[in-house]
Protein backbone atom coordinates (compact mmCIF):
# COMPACT_ATOMS: atom_id res chain seq x y z
CA MET A 1 45.08 -12.36 -33.61
CA ASP A 2 45.47 -12.98 -29.80
CA TYR A 3 48.90 -10.52 -28.96
CA GLY A 4 49.25 -12.08 -25.54
CA LEU A 5 50.41 -15.69 -27.63
CA THR A 6 53.08 -16.43 -29.69
CA ALA A 7 52.70 -18.37 -32.93
CA LEU A 8 54.03 -21.47 -31.42
CA GLU A 9 51.35 -21.61 -28.52
CA ARG A 10 48.95 -20.85 -30.99
CA ALA A 11 50.57 -23.68 -33.28
CA PHE A 12 49.73 -25.87 -29.84
CA GLN A 13 46.40 -24.86 -29.51
CA LEU A 14 45.22 -25.51 -33.15
CA ALA A 15 46.96 -29.20 -32.49
CA LYS A 16 44.85 -29.86 -29.99
CA GLY A 17 41.76 -28.15 -31.02
CA GLY A 18 41.05 -30.40 -33.78
CA ASN A 19 39.96 -28.33 -36.27
CA CYS A 20 43.64 -28.94 -38.18
CA HIS A 21 44.79 -32.12 -39.72
CA SER A 22 48.52 -31.86 -40.44
CA VAL A 23 51.27 -29.39 -39.43
CA PRO A 24 50.45 -27.58 -43.12
CA ASP A 25 46.87 -26.95 -42.03
CA ILE A 26 48.08 -25.28 -38.50
CA LYS A 27 50.49 -23.03 -40.71
CA LYS A 28 48.30 -22.07 -42.94
CA GLN A 29 46.15 -21.08 -40.01
CA LEU A 30 48.18 -19.18 -38.21
CA ARG A 31 48.87 -17.10 -41.40
CA ALA A 32 45.22 -16.47 -41.31
CA GLU A 33 45.22 -15.40 -38.05
CA GLY A 34 47.93 -13.30 -38.53
CA PHE A 35 50.79 -15.11 -37.12
CA SER A 36 54.79 -15.42 -38.68
CA VAL A 37 55.39 -19.45 -39.06
CA ALA A 38 58.74 -18.16 -39.20
CA GLN A 39 59.34 -20.42 -36.03
CA ILE A 40 57.23 -23.29 -36.75
CA THR A 41 60.07 -25.16 -38.41
CA GLY A 42 62.29 -28.33 -36.97
CA LYS A 43 61.81 -32.41 -36.79
CA SER A 44 61.03 -32.32 -33.05
CA LEU A 45 58.52 -29.71 -33.20
CA TYR A 46 56.94 -31.48 -36.10
CA LYS A 47 56.83 -34.24 -34.26
CA GLN A 48 55.32 -33.06 -31.50
CA LEU A 49 52.51 -31.38 -33.40
CA LYS A 50 51.97 -34.68 -35.94
CA GLY A 51 51.70 -36.44 -31.87
CA LEU A 52 49.09 -33.92 -31.43
CA LEU A 53 47.19 -34.01 -34.21
CA GLN A 54 46.85 -37.89 -34.65
CA GLY A 55 45.87 -37.98 -30.66
CA HIS A 56 43.09 -35.66 -31.42
CA ALA A 57 42.20 -37.74 -34.50
CA SER A 58 42.21 -41.46 -32.66
CA GLN A 59 40.01 -39.26 -29.38
CA LYS A 60 37.58 -39.28 -32.44
CA LEU A 61 37.78 -42.25 -33.48
CA GLU A 62 36.94 -43.98 -30.41
CA ALA A 63 34.35 -41.46 -29.25
CA SER A 64 32.59 -42.40 -33.00
CA ALA A 65 33.51 -46.39 -32.42
CA SER A 66 31.48 -46.11 -28.45
CA SER A 67 28.28 -44.93 -30.15
CA LEU A 68 28.49 -47.54 -32.65
CA PRO A 69 25.56 -50.56 -31.78
CA GLU A 70 27.07 -53.80 -30.06
CA VAL A 71 27.77 -56.43 -32.55
CA SER A 72 27.19 -59.53 -31.22
CA ALA A 73 29.93 -62.64 -31.48
CA ARG A 74 27.56 -65.34 -32.56
CA PRO A 75 27.85 -64.84 -36.66
CA ALA A 76 24.08 -64.82 -38.08
CA THR A 77 22.25 -67.65 -39.96
CA ALA A 78 21.33 -67.18 -43.50
CA ALA A 79 17.38 -68.24 -43.50
CA GLY A 80 16.90 -71.93 -44.10
CA VAL A 81 20.14 -73.10 -42.26
CA ASP A 82 19.79 -74.85 -39.42
CA ALA A 83 22.43 -73.04 -36.88
CA ARG A 84 23.17 -76.52 -35.02
CA THR A 85 24.51 -78.57 -37.93
CA LYS A 86 24.91 -76.06 -40.47
CA LYS A 87 23.23 -78.27 -43.11
CA ALA A 88 20.29 -76.93 -45.20
CA LYS A 89 17.16 -76.68 -43.96
CA PRO A 90 14.69 -78.95 -46.15
CA LEU A 91 12.11 -76.64 -48.19
CA ARG A 92 8.97 -77.10 -47.13
CA LEU A 93 5.71 -75.47 -49.01
CA ALA A 94 3.17 -74.39 -47.53
CA PRO A 95 -0.37 -76.05 -47.79
CA ARG A 96 -3.54 -74.25 -50.43
């Protein structure tokens, strides 16, 4: 427990940190660190904490999406289908 921080300040740190996923998670962590959760109440505070939690979650999604390979805008064609006409190509058997 950092004696220089209030429970409210630590709650905001936890919301920004990314390890907690909900306000109850923040409260649980605060209790584990020896803080009182008596100040962590009210619609306005919950809204602020949820906003920080969601902002961090969306940053994670953006980061993971940017690491995905680029997808071609052109649809893939199945084997045996002419890409121009979208019709099946005749099947040709190889001579023996």
